[in-house]
Amino acid sequence: MEFANQAPESSTQKKLGRGKIEIKRIENTTNRQVTFCKRRNGLLKKAYELSVLCDAEVALIVFSTRGRLYEYANNSVRATIDRYKKACADSTDGGSVSEANTQEASKLRRQIREIQNSNRHILGESLSTLKVKELKNLEGRLEKGISRIRSKKETELQHHNNFLRAKIAESEREQQQQQTHMIPGTSYDPSMPSNSYDRNFFPVILESNNNHYPRQGQTALQLV
């Protein structure tokens, strides 16, 4: 009786099995690379089995996220592609245009992925999948870029310094011109009713008991 009660539980456990994997992009770089290697090998194996068991012409092309090519063909990849193009040429023009657009879109998506990966590498991200040679190439690219940036910065700073020096020289010339065109002080003229006179001259009025002397008796003595 006890074995009868335990039987349903064991059958239930067998039915559960492994849970389904959610189909979405794997965020962890290491896990994504491991999963790619496993499923790529499985896909190549399935393609081989299909070609042998069913005598089918199979051509498989796979590009990794780093742009590395993996392929399998029981005949020849190029020959299979030529056969595919010939089969597509027999279809309508609309189908040919649609196929060309699909290929172009696929090419653009691949280029976008390559650019995105390159940008991540420049920012120091997703470097775990790169090998030593690829890391050295990336380091060389970054050093060349930094060198060009520094050269451009020094050139711009030199232009800015030259501009400031020119402005300073122009300002100094303007100040010198203003000092050159300044109106110098004039000597005192006693015949003019003015309170301003040259500081080097002091007016002296000679007085006399004779009131008949004219005003020409007033002279200006220069102080030495």
N, C-alpha and C. Protein backbone atom coordinates (compact mmCIF):
# COMPACT_ATOMS: atom_id res chain seq x y z
N MET A 1 0.83 -1.20 0.00
CA MET A 1 0.00 0.00 0.00
C MET A 1 0.86 1.26 0.00
N GLU A 2 1.94 1.20 0.70
CA GLU A 2 2.81 2.37 0.74
C GLU A 2 3.41 2.64 -0.63
N PHE A 3 3.78 1.57 -1.37
CA PHE A 3 4.34 1.77 -2.71
C PHE A 3 3.31 2.36 -3.65
N ALA A 4 2.06 1.96 -3.47
CA ALA A 4 1.00 2.50 -4.33
C ALA A 4 0.81 3.98 -4.10
N ASN A 5 0.96 4.40 -2.83
CA ASN A 5 0.79 5.83 -2.54
C ASN A 5 1.96 6.65 -3.06
N GLN A 6 3.16 6.06 -3.12
CA GLN A 6 4.33 6.80 -3.57
C GLN A 6 4.45 6.86 -5.08
N ALA A 7 3.78 6.01 -5.81
CA ALA A 7 3.90 5.96 -7.27
C ALA A 7 3.45 7.25 -7.93
N PRO A 8 2.30 7.81 -7.57
CA PRO A 8 1.87 9.06 -8.23
C PRO A 8 2.86 10.19 -8.05
N GLU A 9 3.52 10.28 -6.87
CA GLU A 9 4.46 11.36 -6.63
C GLU A 9 5.66 11.26 -7.57
N SER A 10 6.18 10.04 -7.76
CA SER A 10 7.34 9.88 -8.64
C SER A 10 6.97 10.18 -10.09
N SER A 11 5.77 9.78 -10.50
CA SER A 11 5.35 10.08 -11.88
C SER A 11 5.16 11.57 -12.09
N THR A 12 4.68 12.24 -11.04
CA THR A 12 4.52 13.70 -11.14
C THR A 12 5.87 14.38 -11.29
N GLN A 13 6.87 13.90 -10.55
CA GLN A 13 8.20 14.48 -10.65
C GLN A 13 8.79 14.27 -12.04
N LYS A 14 8.53 13.11 -12.65
CA LYS A 14 9.06 12.86 -13.98
C LYS A 14 8.40 13.77 -15.01
N LYS A 15 7.13 14.07 -14.82
CA LYS A 15 6.44 14.92 -15.78
C LYS A 15 6.93 16.36 -15.72
N LEU A 16 7.36 16.81 -14.53
CA LEU A 16 7.80 18.19 -14.41
C LEU A 16 9.05 18.44 -15.26
N GLY A 17 10.09 17.66 -15.04
CA GLY A 17 11.31 17.79 -15.83
C GLY A 17 11.94 19.17 -15.69
N ARG A 18 12.71 19.59 -16.72
CA ARG A 18 13.35 20.89 -16.72
C ARG A 18 12.37 21.96 -17.19
N GLY A 19 12.49 23.14 -16.60
CA GLY A 19 11.63 24.24 -17.01
C GLY A 19 12.07 24.81 -18.35
N LYS A 20 11.15 25.45 -19.03
CA LYS A 20 11.46 26.06 -20.32
C LYS A 20 12.31 27.31 -20.12
N ILE A 21 13.25 27.49 -21.03
CA ILE A 21 14.12 28.66 -20.98
C ILE A 21 13.44 29.81 -21.70
N GLU A 22 13.41 30.95 -21.06
CA GLU A 22 12.80 32.12 -21.69
C GLU A 22 13.69 32.61 -22.82
N ILE A 23 13.10 32.78 -23.99
CA ILE A 23 13.86 33.18 -25.18
C ILE A 23 14.00 34.70 -25.18
N LYS A 24 15.14 35.15 -24.74
CA LYS A 24 15.48 36.57 -24.78
C LYS A 24 16.99 36.70 -24.70
N ARG A 25 17.48 37.87 -24.96
CA ARG A 25 18.93 38.10 -24.97
C ARG A 25 19.52 37.89 -23.59
N ILE A 26 20.61 37.13 -23.54
CA ILE A 26 21.31 36.87 -22.28
C ILE A 26 22.20 38.06 -21.97
N GLU A 27 21.98 38.69 -20.83
CA GLU A 27 22.71 39.90 -20.50
C GLU A 27 24.15 39.61 -20.06
N ASN A 28 24.36 38.53 -19.34
CA ASN A 28 25.70 38.19 -18.88
C ASN A 28 26.55 37.78 -20.08
N THR A 29 27.71 38.42 -20.25
CA THR A 29 28.54 38.18 -21.43
C THR A 29 29.10 36.76 -21.44
N THR A 30 29.56 36.29 -20.29
CA THR A 30 30.15 34.95 -20.24
C THR A 30 29.10 33.88 -20.53
N ASN A 31 27.94 34.01 -19.89
CA ASN A 31 26.87 33.04 -20.14
C ASN A 31 26.41 33.08 -21.59
N ARG A 32 26.37 34.28 -22.17
CA ARG A 32 25.94 34.39 -23.56
C ARG A 32 26.93 33.70 -24.50
N GLN A 33 28.23 33.84 -24.22
CA GLN A 33 29.23 33.20 -25.06
C GLN A 33 29.19 31.68 -24.92
N VAL A 34 29.01 31.20 -23.70
CA VAL A 34 28.92 29.75 -23.48
C VAL A 34 27.70 29.17 -24.18
N THR A 35 26.56 29.86 -24.05
CA THR A 35 25.34 29.39 -24.71
C THR A 35 25.49 29.39 -26.22
N PHE A 36 26.16 30.41 -26.75
CA PHE A 36 26.37 30.47 -28.19
C PHE A 36 27.20 29.29 -28.68
N CYS A 37 28.26 28.96 -27.97
CA CYS A 37 29.11 27.84 -28.38
C CYS A 37 28.34 26.52 -28.36
N LYS A 38 27.57 26.31 -27.30
CA LYS A 38 26.82 25.05 -27.19
C LYS A 38 25.76 24.94 -28.29
N ARG A 39 24.98 25.97 -28.47
CA ARG A 39 23.90 25.90 -29.46
C ARG A 39 24.44 25.93 -30.88
N ARG A 40 25.57 26.58 -31.11
CA ARG A 40 26.18 26.55 -32.44
C ARG A 40 26.61 25.14 -32.80
N ASN A 41 27.25 24.46 -31.86
CA ASN A 41 27.67 23.08 -32.13
C ASN A 41 26.46 22.18 -32.36
N GLY A 42 25.40 22.40 -31.57
CA GLY A 42 24.19 21.60 -31.77
C GLY A 42 23.55 21.86 -33.13
N LEU A 43 23.57 23.13 -33.55
CA LEU A 43 22.98 23.47 -34.85
C LEU A 43 23.79 22.86 -35.99
N LEU A 44 25.10 22.91 -35.90
CA LEU A 44 25.93 22.29 -36.94
C LEU A 44 25.72 20.78 -36.99
N LYS A 45 25.56 20.18 -35.83
CA LYS A 45 25.31 18.73 -35.79
C LYS A 45 23.97 18.40 -36.44
N LYS A 46 22.94 19.18 -36.16
CA LYS A 46 21.63 18.94 -36.76
C LYS A 46 21.68 19.11 -38.28
N ALA A 47 22.42 20.11 -38.74
CA ALA A 47 22.54 20.30 -40.19
C ALA A 47 23.23 19.11 -40.84
N TYR A 48 24.26 18.59 -40.20
CA TYR A 48 24.95 17.41 -40.73
C TYR A 48 24.01 16.20 -40.77
N GLU A 49 23.28 15.98 -39.69
CA GLU A 49 22.36 14.85 -39.64
C GLU A 49 21.27 14.98 -40.70
N LEU A 50 20.76 16.18 -40.92
CA LEU A 50 19.73 16.39 -41.93
C LEU A 50 20.25 16.07 -43.33
N SER A 51 21.47 16.49 -43.61
CA SER A 51 22.03 16.23 -44.94
C SER A 51 22.30 14.75 -45.18
N VAL A 52 22.69 14.02 -44.13
CA VAL A 52 23.00 12.60 -44.28
C VAL A 52 21.73 11.76 -44.31
N LEU A 53 20.83 11.98 -43.36
CA LEU A 53 19.64 11.15 -43.25
C LEU A 53 18.66 11.39 -44.40
N CYS A 54 18.51 12.62 -44.82
CA CYS A 54 17.49 12.95 -45.83
C CYS A 54 18.08 13.24 -47.21
N ASP A 55 19.41 13.12 -47.35
CA ASP A 55 20.07 13.38 -48.62
C ASP A 55 19.70 14.76 -49.15
N ALA A 56 19.72 15.73 -48.26
CA ALA A 56 19.35 17.10 -48.62
C ALA A 56 20.61 17.94 -48.76
N GLU A 57 20.51 18.94 -49.61
CA GLU A 57 21.61 19.89 -49.76
C GLU A 57 21.45 20.98 -48.71
N VAL A 58 22.39 21.04 -47.81
CA VAL A 58 22.29 21.94 -46.66
C VAL A 58 23.50 22.86 -46.65
N ALA A 59 23.25 24.12 -46.42
CA ALA A 59 24.31 25.12 -46.23
C ALA A 59 23.93 25.97 -45.03
N LEU A 60 24.83 26.06 -44.07
CA LEU A 60 24.56 26.78 -42.83
C LEU A 60 25.66 27.83 -42.63
N ILE A 61 25.25 29.05 -42.39
CA ILE A 61 26.18 30.16 -42.15
C ILE A 61 25.79 30.84 -40.85
N VAL A 62 26.77 31.02 -39.96
CA VAL A 62 26.53 31.66 -38.66
C VAL A 62 27.63 32.69 -38.43
N PHE A 63 27.22 33.90 -38.02
CA PHE A 63 28.17 34.94 -37.63
C PHE A 63 27.98 35.22 -36.14
N SER A 64 29.09 35.23 -35.42
CA SER A 64 29.03 35.55 -34.00
C SER A 64 28.90 37.06 -33.81
N THR A 65 28.72 37.47 -32.57
CA THR A 65 28.60 38.91 -32.29
C THR A 65 29.89 39.66 -32.60
N ARG A 66 31.01 38.96 -32.61
CA ARG A 66 32.29 39.57 -32.95
C ARG A 66 32.58 39.51 -34.44
N GLY A 67 31.64 38.98 -35.23
CA GLY A 67 31.82 38.92 -36.67
C GLY A 67 32.54 37.69 -37.16
N ARG A 68 32.75 36.69 -36.30
CA ARG A 68 33.44 35.47 -36.71
C ARG A 68 32.47 34.55 -37.46
N LEU A 69 32.97 33.96 -38.53
CA LEU A 69 32.13 33.15 -39.41
C LEU A 69 32.24 31.67 -39.04
N TYR A 70 31.07 31.01 -38.98
CA TYR A 70 30.98 29.55 -38.82
C TYR A 70 30.04 29.04 -39.91
N GLU A 71 30.46 28.01 -40.62
CA GLU A 71 29.66 27.52 -41.74
C GLU A 71 29.76 26.01 -41.85
N TYR A 72 28.73 25.45 -42.50
CA TYR A 72 28.72 24.02 -42.83
C TYR A 72 27.94 23.85 -44.12
N ALA A 73 28.44 22.96 -44.97
CA ALA A 73 27.75 22.64 -46.22
C ALA A 73 28.19 21.25 -46.66
N ASN A 74 27.23 20.40 -47.02
CA ASN A 74 27.59 19.07 -47.49
C ASN A 74 28.08 19.10 -48.94
N ASN A 75 27.78 20.17 -49.65
CA ASN A 75 28.28 20.32 -51.02
C ASN A 75 29.30 21.45 -51.06
N SER A 76 28.82 22.66 -51.13
CA SER A 76 29.65 23.86 -51.09
C SER A 76 28.74 25.04 -50.76
N VAL A 77 29.21 25.87 -49.88
CA VAL A 77 28.39 27.02 -49.49
C VAL A 77 28.13 27.92 -50.68
N ARG A 78 29.17 28.19 -51.47
CA ARG A 78 29.00 29.07 -52.63
C ARG A 78 28.06 28.44 -53.66
N ALA A 79 28.22 27.13 -53.89
CA ALA A 79 27.35 26.47 -54.87
C ALA A 79 25.90 26.48 -54.40
N THR A 80 25.70 26.28 -53.12
CA THR A 80 24.33 26.30 -52.59
C THR A 80 23.73 27.70 -52.68
N ILE A 81 24.55 28.71 -52.42
CA ILE A 81 24.06 30.09 -52.53
C ILE A 81 23.72 30.42 -53.98
N ASP A 82 24.57 29.98 -54.93
CA ASP A 82 24.26 30.21 -56.34
C ASP A 82 22.96 29.52 -56.74
N ARG A 83 22.77 28.31 -56.24
CA ARG A 83 21.52 27.60 -56.53
C ARG A 83 20.33 28.35 -55.94
N TYR A 84 20.53 28.89 -54.75
CA TYR A 84 19.46 29.66 -54.11
C TYR A 84 19.14 30.92 -54.91
N LYS A 85 20.17 31.61 -55.40
CA LYS A 85 19.94 32.82 -56.19
C LYS A 85 19.21 32.48 -57.49
N LYS A 86 19.59 31.37 -58.10
CA LYS A 86 18.93 30.96 -59.35
C LYS A 86 17.47 30.64 -59.10
N ALA A 87 17.19 29.99 -57.97
CA ALA A 87 15.80 29.68 -57.64
C ALA A 87 15.00 30.95 -57.38
N CYS A 88 15.64 31.92 -56.76
CA CYS A 88 14.95 33.19 -56.48
C CYS A 88 14.73 33.98 -57.77
N ALA A 89 15.66 33.84 -58.74
CA ALA A 89 15.51 34.58 -59.99
C ALA A 89 14.30 34.11 -60.78
N ASP A 90 13.87 32.87 -60.58
CA ASP A 90 12.71 32.35 -61.29
C ASP A 90 11.40 32.88 -60.72
N SER A 91 11.47 33.49 -59.56
CA SER A 91 10.25 34.03 -58.95
C SER A 91 9.90 35.37 -59.59
N THR A 92 8.88 35.99 -59.12
CA THR A 92 8.43 37.27 -59.67
C THR A 92 9.41 38.38 -59.31
N ASP A 93 9.28 39.50 -60.03
CA ASP A 93 10.16 40.63 -59.76
C ASP A 93 9.93 41.19 -58.36
N GLY A 94 8.67 41.16 -57.95
CA GLY A 94 8.38 41.65 -56.60
C GLY A 94 9.08 40.83 -55.55
N GLY A 95 9.11 39.51 -55.77
CA GLY A 95 9.82 38.66 -54.82
C GLY A 95 11.30 38.93 -54.82
N SER A 96 11.88 39.22 -56.00
CA SER A 96 13.31 39.51 -56.08
C SER A 96 13.64 40.80 -55.34
N VAL A 97 12.80 41.80 -55.54
CA VAL A 97 13.02 43.07 -54.84
C VAL A 97 12.91 42.88 -53.34
N SER A 98 11.92 42.09 -52.93
CA SER A 98 11.75 41.83 -51.50
C SER A 98 12.94 41.10 -50.93
N GLU A 99 13.46 40.14 -51.67
CA GLU A 99 14.63 39.40 -51.20
C GLU A 99 15.86 40.31 -51.11
N ALA A 100 16.01 41.18 -52.11
CA ALA A 100 17.14 42.11 -52.07
C ALA A 100 17.03 43.05 -50.87
N ASN A 101 15.82 43.50 -50.60
CA ASN A 101 15.63 44.36 -49.43
C ASN A 101 15.92 43.61 -48.14
N THR A 102 15.53 42.34 -48.10
CA THR A 102 15.79 41.54 -46.91
C THR A 102 17.28 41.36 -46.69
N GLN A 103 18.01 41.08 -47.77
CA GLN A 103 19.45 40.92 -47.64
C GLN A 103 20.12 42.22 -47.22
N GLU A 104 19.66 43.32 -47.81
CA GLU A 104 20.23 44.61 -47.44
C GLU A 104 19.95 44.94 -45.98
N ALA A 105 18.73 44.64 -45.53
CA ALA A 105 18.38 44.89 -44.13
C ALA A 105 19.23 44.02 -43.20
N SER A 106 19.44 42.77 -43.60
CA SER A 106 20.27 41.88 -42.79
C SER A 106 21.71 42.39 -42.72
N LYS A 107 22.21 42.88 -43.85
CA LYS A 107 23.56 43.43 -43.87
C LYS A 107 23.68 44.66 -42.98
N LEU A 108 22.68 45.52 -43.03
CA LEU A 108 22.70 46.72 -42.20
C LEU A 108 22.62 46.37 -40.71
N ARG A 109 21.78 45.38 -40.38
CA ARG A 109 21.69 44.97 -38.98
C ARG A 109 23.02 44.42 -38.48
N ARG A 110 23.69 43.66 -39.33
CA ARG A 110 24.99 43.12 -38.94
C ARG A 110 26.01 44.24 -38.73
N GLN A 111 26.00 45.23 -39.62
CA GLN A 111 26.91 46.36 -39.46
C GLN A 111 26.61 47.14 -38.19
N ILE A 112 25.33 47.30 -37.89
CA ILE A 112 24.94 48.01 -36.66
C ILE A 112 25.44 47.26 -35.43
N ARG A 113 25.30 45.94 -35.44
CA ARG A 113 25.79 45.15 -34.30
C ARG A 113 27.30 45.29 -34.15
N GLU A 114 28.01 45.27 -35.27
CA GLU A 114 29.47 45.42 -35.20
C GLU A 114 29.86 46.78 -34.65
N ILE A 115 29.15 47.83 -35.08
CA ILE A 115 29.46 49.17 -34.58
C ILE A 115 29.14 49.28 -33.09
N GLN A 116 28.02 48.70 -32.68
CA GLN A 116 27.66 48.73 -31.26
C GLN A 116 28.69 47.99 -30.42
N ASN A 117 29.15 46.84 -30.89
CA ASN A 117 30.18 46.10 -30.16
C ASN A 117 31.48 46.89 -30.09
N SER A 118 31.83 47.55 -31.20
CA SER A 118 33.05 48.36 -31.20
C SER A 118 32.94 49.51 -30.21
N ASN A 119 31.78 50.15 -30.15
CA ASN A 119 31.59 51.25 -29.19
C ASN A 119 31.67 50.74 -27.76
N ARG A 120 31.11 49.56 -27.49
CA ARG A 120 31.21 49.00 -26.15
C ARG A 120 32.66 48.73 -25.77
N HIS A 121 33.43 48.21 -26.72
CA HIS A 121 34.83 47.92 -26.44
C HIS A 121 35.61 49.20 -26.17
N ILE A 122 35.32 50.27 -26.91
CA ILE A 122 36.01 51.54 -26.68
C ILE A 122 35.69 52.08 -25.30
N LEU A 123 34.47 51.86 -24.82
CA LEU A 123 34.08 52.31 -23.48
C LEU A 123 34.56 51.36 -22.39
N GLY A 124 35.24 50.28 -22.77
CA GLY A 124 35.74 49.34 -21.77
C GLY A 124 34.71 48.32 -21.34
N GLU A 125 33.67 48.09 -22.14
CA GLU A 125 32.63 47.14 -21.79
C GLU A 125 32.73 45.91 -22.69
N SER A 126 32.20 44.79 -22.19
CA SER A 126 32.15 43.53 -22.95
C SER A 126 33.54 43.12 -23.44
N LEU A 127 34.53 43.22 -22.56
CA LEU A 127 35.90 42.86 -22.93
C LEU A 127 36.24 41.41 -22.62
N SER A 128 35.35 40.71 -21.92
CA SER A 128 35.66 39.34 -21.50
C SER A 128 35.76 38.38 -22.68
N THR A 129 35.11 38.70 -23.79
CA THR A 129 35.14 37.80 -24.95
C THR A 129 36.31 38.08 -25.88
N LEU A 130 37.07 39.14 -25.63
CA LEU A 130 38.19 39.49 -26.50
C LEU A 130 39.44 38.71 -26.11
N LYS A 131 40.21 38.34 -27.11
CA LYS A 131 41.48 37.67 -26.88
C LYS A 131 42.60 38.69 -26.75
N VAL A 132 43.81 38.19 -26.47
CA VAL A 132 44.95 39.08 -26.23
C VAL A 132 45.25 39.93 -27.47
N LYS A 133 45.22 39.31 -28.63
CA LYS A 133 45.51 40.05 -29.86
C LYS A 133 44.49 41.14 -30.10
N GLU A 134 43.23 40.81 -29.88
CA GLU A 134 42.17 41.81 -30.07
C GLU A 134 42.29 42.94 -29.06
N LEU A 135 42.68 42.60 -27.83
CA LEU A 135 42.87 43.64 -26.81
C LEU A 135 44.03 44.56 -27.19
N LYS A 136 45.11 44.00 -27.74
CA LYS A 136 46.24 44.82 -28.17
C LYS A 136 45.83 45.76 -29.30
N ASN A 137 45.06 45.24 -30.25
CA ASN A 137 44.59 46.10 -31.35
C ASN A 137 43.71 47.23 -30.82
N LEU A 138 42.84 46.89 -29.86
CA LEU A 138 41.98 47.91 -29.27
C LEU A 138 42.80 48.95 -28.53
N GLU A 139 43.82 48.51 -27.81
CA GLU A 139 44.69 49.44 -27.09
C GLU A 139 45.42 50.37 -28.05
N GLY A 140 45.91 49.82 -29.18
CA GLY A 140 46.58 50.66 -30.17
C GLY A 140 45.65 51.70 -30.77
N ARG A 141 44.41 51.31 -31.05
CA ARG A 141 43.44 52.27 -31.59
C ARG A 141 43.16 53.39 -30.60
N LEU A 142 43.02 53.04 -29.32
CA LEU A 142 42.76 54.06 -28.31
C LEU A 142 43.94 55.01 -28.16
N GLU A 143 45.17 54.47 -28.18
CA GLU A 143 46.35 55.33 -28.05
C GLU A 143 46.47 56.29 -29.24
N LYS A 144 46.19 55.80 -30.45
CA LYS A 144 46.23 56.69 -31.61
C LYS A 144 45.17 57.78 -31.50
N GLY A 145 43.98 57.39 -31.04
CA GLY A 145 42.92 58.39 -30.89
C GLY A 145 43.28 59.44 -29.85
N ILE A 146 43.85 59.02 -28.72
CA ILE A 146 44.25 59.97 -27.68
C ILE A 146 45.34 60.90 -28.20
N SER A 147 46.29 60.35 -28.97
CA SER A 147 47.36 61.19 -29.53
C SER A 147 46.79 62.25 -30.47
N ARG A 148 45.84 61.88 -31.32
CA ARG A 148 45.23 62.87 -32.22
C ARG A 148 44.45 63.92 -31.44
N ILE A 149 43.77 63.50 -30.37
CA ILE A 149 43.01 64.45 -29.57
C ILE A 149 43.95 65.45 -28.89
N ARG A 150 45.06 64.96 -28.34
CA ARG A 150 46.01 65.86 -27.68
C ARG A 150 46.63 66.83 -28.68
N SER A 151 46.96 66.35 -29.88
CA SER A 151 47.52 67.23 -30.89
C SER A 151 46.54 68.33 -31.28
N LYS A 152 45.28 67.96 -31.45
CA LYS A 152 44.26 68.95 -31.78
C LYS A 152 44.08 69.95 -30.65
N LYS A 153 44.12 69.48 -29.40
CA LYS A 153 43.95 70.37 -28.26
C LYS A 153 45.11 71.37 -28.19
N GLU A 154 46.35 70.90 -28.39
CA GLU A 154 47.50 71.79 -28.35
C GLU A 154 47.43 72.84 -29.46
N THR A 155 46.98 72.43 -30.64
CA THR A 155 46.85 73.39 -31.75
C THR A 155 45.83 74.47 -31.42
N GLU A 156 44.69 74.06 -30.86
CA GLU A 156 43.66 75.03 -30.51
C GLU A 156 44.14 75.97 -29.40
N LEU A 157 44.88 75.43 -28.42
CA LEU A 157 45.42 76.29 -27.36
C LEU A 157 46.42 77.29 -27.91
N GLN A 158 47.25 76.87 -28.87
CA GLN A 158 48.22 77.77 -29.48
C GLN A 158 47.52 78.90 -30.24
N HIS A 159 46.47 78.55 -30.99
CA HIS A 159 45.70 79.58 -31.70
C HIS A 159 45.07 80.56 -30.71
N HIS A 160 44.56 80.04 -29.61
CA HIS A 160 43.92 80.91 -28.61
C HIS A 160 44.96 81.84 -27.97
N ASN A 161 46.14 81.31 -27.66
CA ASN A 161 47.20 82.15 -27.08
C ASN A 161 47.64 83.24 -28.05
N ASN A 162 47.79 82.90 -29.32
CA ASN A 162 48.17 83.90 -30.32
C ASN A 162 47.10 84.99 -30.43
N PHE A 163 45.85 84.59 -30.35
CA PHE A 163 44.76 85.57 -30.42
C PHE A 163 44.82 86.52 -29.23
N LEU A 164 45.05 85.97 -28.03
CA LEU A 164 45.13 86.82 -26.84
C LEU A 164 46.33 87.76 -26.91
N ARG A 165 47.47 87.27 -27.39
CA ARG A 165 48.65 88.13 -27.53
C ARG A 165 48.39 89.27 -28.51
N ALA A 166 47.71 88.97 -29.60
CA ALA A 166 47.39 90.01 -30.58
C ALA A 166 46.47 91.07 -29.96
N LYS A 167 45.50 90.63 -29.17
CA LYS A 167 44.60 91.57 -28.52
C LYS A 167 45.35 92.46 -27.53
N ILE A 168 46.29 91.85 -26.77
CA ILE A 168 47.07 92.63 -25.80
C ILE A 168 47.94 93.65 -26.52
N ALA A 169 48.60 93.23 -27.62
CA ALA A 169 49.45 94.15 -28.37
C ALA A 169 48.63 95.30 -28.95
N GLU A 170 47.45 95.00 -29.46
CA GLU A 170 46.58 96.04 -30.01
C GLU A 170 46.15 97.02 -28.93
N SER A 171 45.85 96.49 -27.73
CA SER A 171 45.45 97.38 -26.63
C SER A 171 46.61 98.28 -26.21
N GLU A 172 47.83 97.74 -26.19
CA GLU A 172 49.00 98.57 -25.83
C GLU A 172 49.24 99.66 -26.87
N ARG A 173 49.08 99.33 -28.15
CA ARG A 173 49.26 100.35 -29.19
C ARG A 173 48.23 101.47 -29.05
N GLU A 174 46.99 101.11 -28.75
CA GLU A 174 45.96 102.13 -28.57
C GLU A 174 46.29 103.04 -27.39
N GLN A 175 46.80 102.47 -26.30
CA GLN A 175 47.18 103.29 -25.15
C GLN A 175 48.32 104.25 -25.50
N GLN A 176 49.31 103.75 -26.25
CA GLN A 176 50.42 104.62 -26.66
C GLN A 176 49.94 105.75 -27.55
N GLN A 177 49.02 105.45 -28.46
CA GLN A 177 48.49 106.50 -29.34
C GLN A 177 47.71 107.54 -28.54
N GLN A 178 46.96 107.09 -27.54
CA GLN A 178 46.23 108.04 -26.71
C GLN A 178 47.18 108.94 -25.94
N GLN A 179 48.27 108.38 -25.41
CA GLN A 179 49.24 109.19 -24.68
C GLN A 179 49.96 110.17 -25.61
N THR A 180 50.20 109.76 -26.86
CA THR A 180 50.89 110.63 -27.81
C THR A 180 50.02 111.82 -28.21
N HIS A 181 48.72 111.63 -28.34
CA HIS A 181 47.82 112.69 -28.77
C HIS A 181 47.23 113.49 -27.62
N MET A 182 47.74 113.32 -26.41
CA MET A 182 47.24 114.13 -25.29
C MET A 182 47.68 115.58 -25.44
N ILE A 183 46.83 116.59 -25.10
CA ILE A 183 47.13 118.03 -25.25
C ILE A 183 48.03 118.45 -24.10
N PRO A 184 49.25 118.96 -24.38
CA PRO A 184 50.15 119.39 -23.29
C PRO A 184 49.65 120.68 -22.65
N GLY A 185 50.14 121.00 -21.40
CA GLY A 185 49.74 122.23 -20.70
C GLY A 185 50.35 123.47 -21.34
N THR A 186 49.63 124.54 -21.36
CA THR A 186 50.09 125.80 -21.96
C THR A 186 50.56 126.75 -20.87
N SER A 187 51.45 127.73 -21.23
CA SER A 187 51.98 128.71 -20.27
C SER A 187 50.91 129.76 -19.96
N TYR A 188 51.11 130.45 -18.87
CA TYR A 188 50.13 131.43 -18.40
C TYR A 188 50.25 132.72 -19.21
N ASP A 189 49.13 133.24 -19.65
CA ASP A 189 49.06 134.51 -20.38
C ASP A 189 48.29 135.49 -19.51
N PRO A 190 48.97 136.52 -18.96
CA PRO A 190 48.27 137.43 -18.04
C PRO A 190 47.19 138.25 -18.71
N SER A 191 47.24 138.39 -20.03
CA SER A 191 46.20 139.17 -20.70
C SER A 191 44.90 138.41 -20.85
N MET A 192 44.95 137.07 -20.62
CA MET A 192 43.75 136.25 -20.76
C MET A 192 43.14 136.04 -19.39
N PRO A 193 41.82 136.23 -19.28
CA PRO A 193 41.16 136.06 -17.97
C PRO A 193 40.95 134.57 -17.67
N SER A 194 42.03 133.94 -17.36
CA SER A 194 41.93 132.50 -17.09
C SER A 194 42.64 132.22 -15.79
N ASN A 195 42.13 131.27 -15.03
CA ASN A 195 42.72 130.90 -13.74
C ASN A 195 43.74 129.78 -13.86
N SER A 196 43.88 129.19 -15.07
CA SER A 196 44.81 128.08 -15.24
C SER A 196 46.05 128.57 -15.95
N TYR A 197 47.22 128.14 -15.52
CA TYR A 197 48.47 128.52 -16.14
C TYR A 197 49.47 127.42 -15.88
N ASP A 198 50.61 127.57 -16.57
CA ASP A 198 51.64 126.54 -16.47
C ASP A 198 52.25 126.57 -15.09
N ARG A 199 52.51 125.36 -14.56
CA ARG A 199 53.05 125.27 -13.21
C ARG A 199 54.50 125.77 -13.15
N ASN A 200 55.20 125.87 -14.31
CA ASN A 200 56.58 126.34 -14.32
C ASN A 200 56.68 127.87 -14.34
N PHE A 201 55.57 128.54 -14.43
CA PHE A 201 55.56 130.00 -14.46
C PHE A 201 54.72 130.54 -13.32
N PHE A 202 55.20 131.60 -12.71
CA PHE A 202 54.47 132.23 -11.61
C PHE A 202 54.34 133.72 -11.92
N PRO A 203 53.15 134.25 -11.99
CA PRO A 203 52.98 135.67 -12.34
C PRO A 203 53.38 136.59 -11.19
N VAL A 204 54.17 137.58 -11.51
CA VAL A 204 54.59 138.58 -10.52
C VAL A 204 54.19 139.97 -11.04
N ILE A 205 53.49 140.73 -10.23
CA ILE A 205 53.03 142.08 -10.60
C ILE A 205 53.91 143.08 -9.87
N LEU A 206 54.61 143.90 -10.63
CA LEU A 206 55.48 144.92 -10.05
C LEU A 206 54.64 146.17 -9.79
N GLU A 207 54.51 146.52 -8.52
CA GLU A 207 53.74 147.70 -8.15
C GLU A 207 54.66 148.92 -8.06
N SER A 208 54.15 150.08 -8.33
CA SER A 208 54.91 151.32 -8.27
C SER A 208 54.02 152.42 -7.71
N ASN A 209 54.68 153.42 -7.12
CA ASN A 209 53.90 154.53 -6.60
C ASN A 209 53.27 155.35 -7.70
N ASN A 210 53.90 155.25 -8.89
CA ASN A 210 53.36 156.01 -10.00
C ASN A 210 52.24 155.22 -10.64
N ASN A 211 51.04 155.71 -10.54
CA ASN A 211 49.89 155.00 -11.08
C ASN A 211 49.74 155.19 -12.57
N HIS A 212 50.66 156.02 -13.20
CA HIS A 212 50.54 156.25 -14.63
C HIS A 212 51.21 155.17 -15.44
N TYR A 213 51.94 154.22 -14.75
CA TYR A 213 52.59 153.15 -15.53
C TYR A 213 51.54 152.25 -16.14
N PRO A 214 51.75 151.87 -17.36
CA PRO A 214 50.74 150.97 -17.99
C PRO A 214 50.82 149.56 -17.42
N ARG A 215 49.88 148.69 -17.82
CA ARG A 215 49.81 147.31 -17.34
C ARG A 215 50.90 146.44 -17.93
N GLN A 216 51.68 147.03 -18.94
CA GLN A 216 52.76 146.22 -19.48
C GLN A 216 53.86 146.01 -18.47
N GLY A 217 53.80 146.72 -17.33
CA GLY A 217 54.82 146.53 -16.32
C GLY A 217 54.74 145.17 -15.65
N GLN A 218 53.67 144.45 -15.84
CA GLN A 218 53.51 143.11 -15.26
C GLN A 218 54.30 142.12 -16.10
N THR A 219 55.18 141.37 -15.45
CA THR A 219 56.02 140.38 -16.16
C THR A 219 55.84 139.03 -15.50
N ALA A 220 56.21 138.01 -16.23
CA ALA A 220 56.12 136.64 -15.71
C ALA A 220 57.51 136.12 -15.47
N LEU A 221 57.79 135.76 -14.25
CA LEU A 221 59.09 135.19 -13.89
C LEU A 221 59.01 133.68 -13.94
N GLN A 222 59.98 133.08 -14.60
CA GLN A 222 60.01 131.60 -14.70
C GLN A 222 60.79 131.05 -13.54
N LEU A 223 60.18 130.10 -12.86
CA LEU A 223 60.83 129.44 -11.74
C LEU A 223 61.68 128.30 -12.27
N VAL A 224 62.96 128.32 -11.87
CA VAL A 224 63.88 127.27 -12.34
C VAL A 224 64.03 126.23 -11.26
